[in-house]
Amino acid sequence: MTSFTMDANWLPFHPSPAKPSYIVPAGAVDAHCHVFGPGAQFPFARERKYTPCDASKDQLFALRDHLGFSRNVIVQATCHGADNRALVDALQASEGLARGVATVDNDITDEALAVLHEAGVRGVRFNFVKRLVDVLPFGDLQNIAERIAPMGWHIVIYFEADDLAEYYDFFTALPTPVVVDHMGRPDVGGRLEGGSFDLFMKLMAENENFWSKVSCPDRISKLGPPDYADVIPFARRVVEAFPERVLWGTDWPHPNMKSHMPDDGGLLEFIPNIARSEALQHKLLVDNPMCLYWPEESARS
């Protein structure tokens, strides 16, 4: 049996999150979360940049119910590399209440892609955060994108704000819907308008196939909890400009957090601060993720 020890400077997830006072609408989707291991069953990748704590599917589903969500979108984390077995196991156990975003290598077979699709995978994640992964050659990424496009999948891109200009042309040439993780991690200490965040807003405005997660204030904020007040204007600007192309997720179990670990119940209080009407909240939490991940069930026109 393989044994793994969590990195000493990496915080475990909150053991007993509060019951949120904000009640999510019926059918709400946690559109960004992860499963880690358990390492003894699903070993972490040899090439990983960090070793997390175990965070099982059962714990994730218990959190879903505690917070009032109905469904999950589980995103493959870099600690598992392109070994999607833990993700597939969680999707199969969800009884259709979870969809997945996988990580795949350029040499994946059509048969393996079909297995992932049957399990509930609907997207592939490309990670451009240089401290977390060795970035794949653009040619390989383009090939993967062209292979998944006919399957109706989308691409999730994770990058940091300073790198957007470098990758802009590549991103906008991708042949699928594209979901940006966490607004491209903006510098919330900078200007809301007239600064570097304008490039991200241009990306969204000029490319209607682009969506954005407005999640992870705990990861972006310089002020920190409980309100993450410096993130609110940025996320609110995105939600109000692109109400039908935004998503939100807990990011449980909050990988690589070192300064503080958010209480997932308290984290939900961020939602009405960025989506200031029931209509916007319903789009963010229900209509949009259902359209992207369960289109066969979506009532959105």
Protein backbone atom coordinates (compact mmCIF):
# COMPACT_ATOMS: atom_id res chain seq x y z
CA MET A 1 0.00 0.00 0.00
CA THR A 2 1.38 3.41 -1.03
CA SER A 3 1.64 6.01 1.73
CA PHE A 4 1.58 9.77 1.18
CA THR A 5 2.22 12.59 3.64
CA MET A 6 0.64 15.98 3.03
CA ASP A 7 3.09 18.84 2.49
CA ALA A 8 3.89 20.42 5.85
CA ASN A 9 2.98 23.96 4.69
CA TRP A 10 -0.31 22.91 3.07
CA LEU A 11 -3.48 23.33 5.14
CA PRO A 12 -6.15 20.61 5.36
CA PHE A 13 -9.72 21.52 4.52
CA HIS A 14 -12.05 22.90 7.19
CA PRO A 15 -13.24 19.97 9.35
CA SER A 16 -16.68 21.35 10.24
CA PRO A 17 -17.90 24.11 7.92
CA ALA A 18 -20.73 26.30 9.13
CA LYS A 19 -24.24 25.96 7.81
CA PRO A 20 -24.45 28.92 5.43
CA SER A 21 -26.97 31.66 6.03
CA TYR A 22 -27.14 32.23 2.27
CA ILE A 23 -29.42 29.59 0.78
CA VAL A 24 -28.49 28.60 -2.75
CA PRO A 25 -31.36 28.22 -5.25
CA ALA A 26 -32.83 24.78 -5.87
CA GLY A 27 -30.73 22.82 -8.34
CA ALA A 28 -27.53 24.76 -7.63
CA VAL A 29 -24.25 23.36 -8.96
CA ASP A 30 -20.86 23.57 -7.26
CA ALA A 31 -19.04 24.02 -10.56
CA HIS A 32 -15.45 23.78 -9.34
CA CYS A 33 -14.28 21.23 -6.78
CA HIS A 34 -11.82 18.35 -6.56
CA VAL A 35 -11.23 14.88 -5.17
CA PHE A 36 -7.79 13.84 -3.93
CA GLY A 37 -7.11 10.13 -3.63
CA PRO A 38 -7.45 8.64 -1.14
CA GLY A 39 -3.79 8.14 -1.91
CA ALA A 40 -3.76 4.50 -0.83
CA GLN A 41 -6.42 3.74 -3.46
CA PHE A 42 -5.61 6.33 -6.13
CA PRO A 43 -1.90 7.23 -5.81
CA PHE A 44 -0.77 10.77 -6.52
CA ALA A 45 1.34 11.40 -9.61
CA ARG A 46 5.08 11.02 -9.35
CA GLU A 47 5.59 14.33 -11.17
CA ARG A 48 3.25 16.29 -8.86
CA LYS A 49 4.34 19.68 -7.51
CA TYR A 50 2.57 19.18 -4.17
CA THR A 51 1.16 16.39 -2.01
CA PRO A 52 -2.34 17.11 -0.67
CA CYS A 53 -4.41 15.60 2.08
CA ASP A 54 -6.87 12.88 1.14
CA ALA A 55 -10.23 14.38 0.11
CA SER A 56 -12.60 11.62 -0.90
CA LYS A 57 -15.74 11.56 -2.99
CA ASP A 58 -17.81 10.71 0.07
CA GLN A 59 -16.54 13.80 1.88
CA LEU A 60 -17.23 15.92 -1.20
CA PHE A 61 -20.79 14.64 -1.53
CA ALA A 62 -21.39 15.19 2.19
CA LEU A 63 -20.25 18.81 1.78
CA ARG A 64 -22.54 19.20 -1.25
CA ASP A 65 -25.52 18.17 0.83
CA HIS A 66 -24.46 20.28 3.83
CA LEU A 67 -24.17 23.44 1.72
CA GLY A 68 -27.40 22.80 -0.16
CA PHE A 69 -26.00 22.14 -3.62
CA SER A 70 -27.57 19.53 -5.88
CA ARG A 71 -24.67 18.72 -8.20
CA ASN A 72 -20.91 18.98 -8.61
CA VAL A 73 -18.42 19.60 -11.39
CA ILE A 74 -15.24 17.82 -10.32
CA VAL A 75 -12.03 19.15 -11.83
CA GLN A 76 -8.93 16.97 -12.12
CA ALA A 77 -6.16 18.45 -10.00
CA THR A 78 -2.48 18.48 -10.95
CA CYS A 79 -1.52 16.19 -8.06
CA HIS A 80 -3.10 13.29 -9.98
CA GLY A 81 -1.60 14.29 -13.33
CA ALA A 82 -3.35 12.58 -16.25
CA ASP A 83 -4.40 9.60 -14.13
CA ASN A 84 -8.14 10.26 -13.96
CA ARG A 85 -9.12 7.17 -11.97
CA ALA A 86 -10.11 9.05 -8.80
CA LEU A 87 -12.18 11.46 -10.89
CA VAL A 88 -13.92 8.66 -12.78
CA ASP A 89 -14.61 6.77 -9.56
CA ALA A 90 -16.30 9.85 -8.08
CA LEU A 91 -18.34 10.48 -11.22
CA GLN A 92 -19.56 6.90 -11.35
CA ALA A 93 -20.56 7.03 -7.67
CA SER A 94 -22.49 10.29 -8.14
CA GLU A 95 -25.39 8.62 -9.99
CA GLY A 96 -25.41 11.38 -12.60
CA LEU A 97 -25.16 14.25 -10.15
CA ALA A 98 -21.56 15.08 -11.06
CA ARG A 99 -19.74 15.93 -14.27
CA GLY A 100 -15.98 16.02 -14.69
CA VAL A 101 -13.12 17.96 -16.24
CA ALA A 102 -10.17 15.67 -16.94
CA THR A 103 -6.49 16.07 -17.69
CA VAL A 104 -5.34 14.08 -20.70
CA ASP A 105 -2.10 13.47 -22.54
CA ASN A 106 -1.64 13.93 -26.26
CA ASP A 107 -1.40 10.17 -26.81
CA ILE A 108 -4.76 9.31 -25.23
CA THR A 109 -6.73 6.91 -27.40
CA ASP A 110 -10.20 7.48 -28.79
CA GLU A 111 -11.35 4.51 -26.72
CA ALA A 112 -10.06 6.12 -23.52
CA LEU A 113 -11.80 9.39 -24.37
CA ALA A 114 -15.03 7.46 -24.90
CA VAL A 115 -14.67 5.85 -21.45
CA LEU A 116 -14.21 9.29 -19.88
CA HIS A 117 -17.27 10.61 -21.70
CA GLU A 118 -19.40 7.70 -20.54
CA ALA A 119 -18.30 8.38 -16.95
CA GLY A 120 -19.44 12.00 -17.21
CA VAL A 121 -16.37 13.96 -18.30
CA ARG A 122 -17.31 16.97 -20.39
CA GLY A 123 -14.09 18.96 -20.54
CA VAL A 124 -10.31 18.96 -20.44
CA ARG A 125 -8.20 21.25 -18.29
CA PHE A 126 -5.08 22.97 -19.61
CA ASN A 127 -2.95 24.32 -16.78
CA PHE A 128 -0.61 27.22 -17.59
CA VAL A 129 0.40 28.07 -14.01
CA LYS A 130 4.14 27.52 -14.31
CA ARG A 131 4.75 26.84 -10.62
CA LEU A 132 2.28 23.93 -10.71
CA VAL A 133 2.98 22.09 -13.96
CA ASP A 134 5.39 21.72 -16.81
CA VAL A 135 3.37 23.34 -19.59
CA LEU A 136 2.61 21.07 -22.53
CA PRO A 137 3.77 22.13 -26.01
CA PHE A 138 1.11 24.22 -27.73
CA GLY A 139 0.97 21.73 -30.60
CA ASP A 140 -0.10 18.94 -28.25
CA LEU A 141 -2.74 21.13 -26.65
CA GLN A 142 -4.10 22.15 -30.04
CA ASN A 143 -4.31 18.50 -31.07
CA ILE A 144 -6.21 17.59 -27.90
CA ALA A 145 -8.58 20.51 -28.46
CA GLU A 146 -9.35 19.43 -32.02
CA ARG A 147 -10.02 15.85 -30.89
CA ILE A 148 -12.46 16.77 -28.13
CA ALA A 149 -14.37 19.45 -30.06
CA PRO A 150 -16.56 16.93 -31.95
CA MET A 151 -17.47 15.32 -28.61
CA GLY A 152 -19.10 18.55 -27.42
CA TRP A 153 -16.50 19.00 -24.68
CA HIS A 154 -14.99 22.28 -23.60
CA ILE A 155 -11.58 23.39 -22.37
CA VAL A 156 -10.83 24.83 -18.94
CA ILE A 157 -7.76 27.08 -18.79
CA TYR A 158 -5.92 27.99 -15.61
CA PHE A 159 -3.39 30.80 -15.82
CA GLU A 160 -2.18 33.81 -13.87
CA ALA A 161 -3.02 37.37 -14.91
CA ASP A 162 0.53 38.37 -15.84
CA ASP A 163 0.65 35.61 -18.45
CA LEU A 164 -2.60 36.38 -20.31
CA ALA A 165 -0.98 38.58 -22.95
CA GLU A 166 1.52 35.80 -23.75
CA TYR A 167 -1.22 33.19 -24.26
CA TYR A 168 -3.98 35.41 -25.66
CA ASP A 169 -3.70 34.41 -29.33
CA PHE A 170 -3.50 30.71 -28.50
CA PHE A 171 -6.51 30.88 -26.20
CA THR A 172 -8.69 32.70 -28.70
CA ALA A 173 -7.88 30.17 -31.44
CA LEU A 174 -9.18 27.20 -29.44
CA PRO A 175 -12.07 25.46 -31.27
CA THR A 176 -14.33 24.76 -28.27
CA PRO A 177 -16.09 26.65 -25.51
CA VAL A 178 -13.40 27.82 -23.07
CA VAL A 179 -13.87 28.26 -19.32
CA VAL A 180 -11.37 30.46 -17.48
CA ASP A 181 -10.60 29.46 -13.92
CA HIS A 182 -11.04 32.18 -11.28
CA MET A 183 -11.17 35.20 -13.65
CA GLY A 184 -7.56 34.53 -14.63
CA ARG A 185 -6.41 35.31 -11.07
CA PRO A 186 -6.51 39.12 -11.34
CA ASP A 187 -4.38 41.46 -9.26
CA VAL A 188 -7.17 42.75 -7.02
CA GLY A 189 -4.78 45.34 -5.62
CA GLY A 190 -4.77 47.00 -9.01
CA ARG A 191 -7.38 49.09 -10.79
CA LEU A 192 -10.80 47.65 -11.57
CA GLU A 193 -10.95 49.59 -14.84
CA GLY A 194 -8.17 51.00 -16.95
CA GLY A 195 -5.62 48.46 -15.69
CA SER A 196 -4.50 44.93 -16.46
CA PHE A 197 -7.96 43.47 -15.76
CA ASP A 198 -9.22 45.17 -18.91
CA LEU A 199 -7.39 42.58 -21.03
CA PHE A 200 -9.37 39.80 -19.37
CA MET A 201 -12.61 41.72 -19.89
CA LYS A 202 -11.65 42.18 -23.55
CA LEU A 203 -11.07 38.43 -23.84
CA MET A 204 -14.57 37.78 -22.52
CA ALA A 205 -16.25 40.53 -24.53
CA GLU A 206 -14.73 39.68 -27.91
CA ASN A 207 -15.01 35.88 -27.64
CA GLU A 208 -18.53 34.63 -26.97
CA ASN A 209 -17.28 31.06 -26.53
CA PHE A 210 -15.46 32.15 -23.34
CA TRP A 211 -16.90 31.59 -19.87
CA SER A 212 -15.44 32.55 -16.49
CA LYS A 213 -15.54 31.10 -13.03
CA VAL A 214 -15.89 33.86 -10.45
CA SER A 215 -14.75 31.54 -7.70
CA CYS A 216 -11.81 31.36 -5.29
CA PRO A 217 -11.85 34.77 -3.58
CA ASP A 218 -9.82 33.07 -0.85
CA ARG A 219 -7.08 32.40 -3.37
CA ILE A 220 -7.10 35.84 -4.98
CA SER A 221 -7.73 38.22 -2.09
CA LYS A 222 -5.03 40.30 -0.45
CA LEU A 223 -7.34 41.35 2.39
CA GLY A 224 -8.47 37.85 3.26
CA PRO A 225 -11.50 36.58 5.17
CA PRO A 226 -14.23 36.86 6.09
CA ASP A 227 -15.46 39.08 3.25
CA TYR A 228 -12.66 39.03 0.66
CA ALA A 229 -13.84 42.56 -0.01
CA ASP A 230 -11.13 43.41 -2.54
CA VAL A 231 -12.28 40.61 -4.86
CA ILE A 232 -15.96 41.60 -4.87
CA PRO A 233 -15.75 44.50 -7.39
CA PHE A 234 -13.83 42.36 -9.89
CA ALA A 235 -16.18 39.39 -9.67
CA ARG A 236 -19.23 41.66 -9.70
CA ARG A 237 -17.98 43.36 -12.88
CA VAL A 238 -17.69 39.99 -14.63
CA VAL A 239 -21.07 38.71 -13.42
CA GLU A 240 -22.89 41.85 -14.50
CA ALA A 241 -21.15 42.10 -17.88
CA PHE A 242 -21.51 38.42 -18.80
CA PRO A 243 -24.41 37.02 -16.73
CA GLU A 244 -24.96 34.01 -18.98
CA ARG A 245 -21.29 32.94 -19.09
CA VAL A 246 -20.27 32.81 -15.44
CA LEU A 247 -19.92 29.89 -13.03
CA TRP A 248 -19.13 29.51 -9.33
CA GLY A 249 -17.60 26.74 -7.25
CA THR A 250 -16.22 26.11 -3.79
CA ASP A 251 -12.77 24.90 -4.92
CA TRP A 252 -13.01 22.31 -2.12
CA PRO A 253 -10.68 21.07 -0.66
CA HIS A 254 -8.81 24.26 -1.52
CA PRO A 255 -5.47 22.92 -2.80
CA ASN A 256 -2.22 24.68 -1.95
CA MET A 257 -3.71 27.07 0.60
CA LYS A 258 -1.05 28.13 3.07
CA SER A 259 -2.16 31.36 4.78
CA HIS A 260 -5.68 30.38 5.81
CA MET A 261 -8.30 27.75 5.09
CA PRO A 262 -11.76 29.07 4.27
CA ASP A 263 -14.89 27.84 5.96
CA ASP A 264 -16.96 26.58 3.03
CA GLY A 265 -20.19 27.61 4.73
CA GLY A 266 -18.92 31.14 5.19
CA LEU A 267 -17.57 31.21 1.64
CA LEU A 268 -21.10 31.06 0.25
CA GLU A 269 -21.77 34.51 1.67
CA PHE A 270 -19.58 35.82 -1.17
CA ILE A 271 -22.22 34.86 -3.75
CA PRO A 272 -24.91 37.52 -3.07
CA ASN A 273 -22.17 40.15 -2.93
CA ILE A 274 -21.19 39.49 -6.54
CA ALA A 275 -24.56 38.41 -7.98
CA ARG A 276 -26.86 41.03 -6.49
CA SER A 277 -30.24 39.74 -7.62
CA GLU A 278 -32.02 36.40 -7.45
CA ALA A 279 -32.02 36.30 -11.25
CA LEU A 280 -28.24 36.69 -11.43
CA GLN A 281 -27.75 34.10 -8.69
CA HIS A 282 -29.95 31.62 -10.54
CA LYS A 283 -27.97 32.09 -13.74
CA LEU A 284 -24.65 31.75 -11.91
CA LEU A 285 -25.54 28.67 -9.88
CA VAL A 286 -28.19 26.83 -11.90
CA ASP A 287 -28.85 27.91 -15.48
CA ASN A 288 -25.27 28.38 -16.64
CA PRO A 289 -23.67 25.21 -15.24
CA MET A 290 -26.66 23.13 -16.34
CA CYS A 291 -26.36 24.54 -19.86
CA LEU A 292 -22.66 23.70 -20.03
CA TYR A 293 -22.55 20.35 -18.22
CA TRP A 294 -26.08 18.90 -18.47
CA PRO A 295 -27.37 20.44 -21.73
CA GLU A 296 -29.75 17.53 -22.20
CA GLU A 297 -31.55 18.64 -19.01
CA SER A 298 -31.12 22.39 -19.35
CA ALA A 299 -34.24 24.47 -19.88
CA ARG A 300 -32.22 27.49 -20.97
CA SER A 301 -33.11 28.61 -24.45
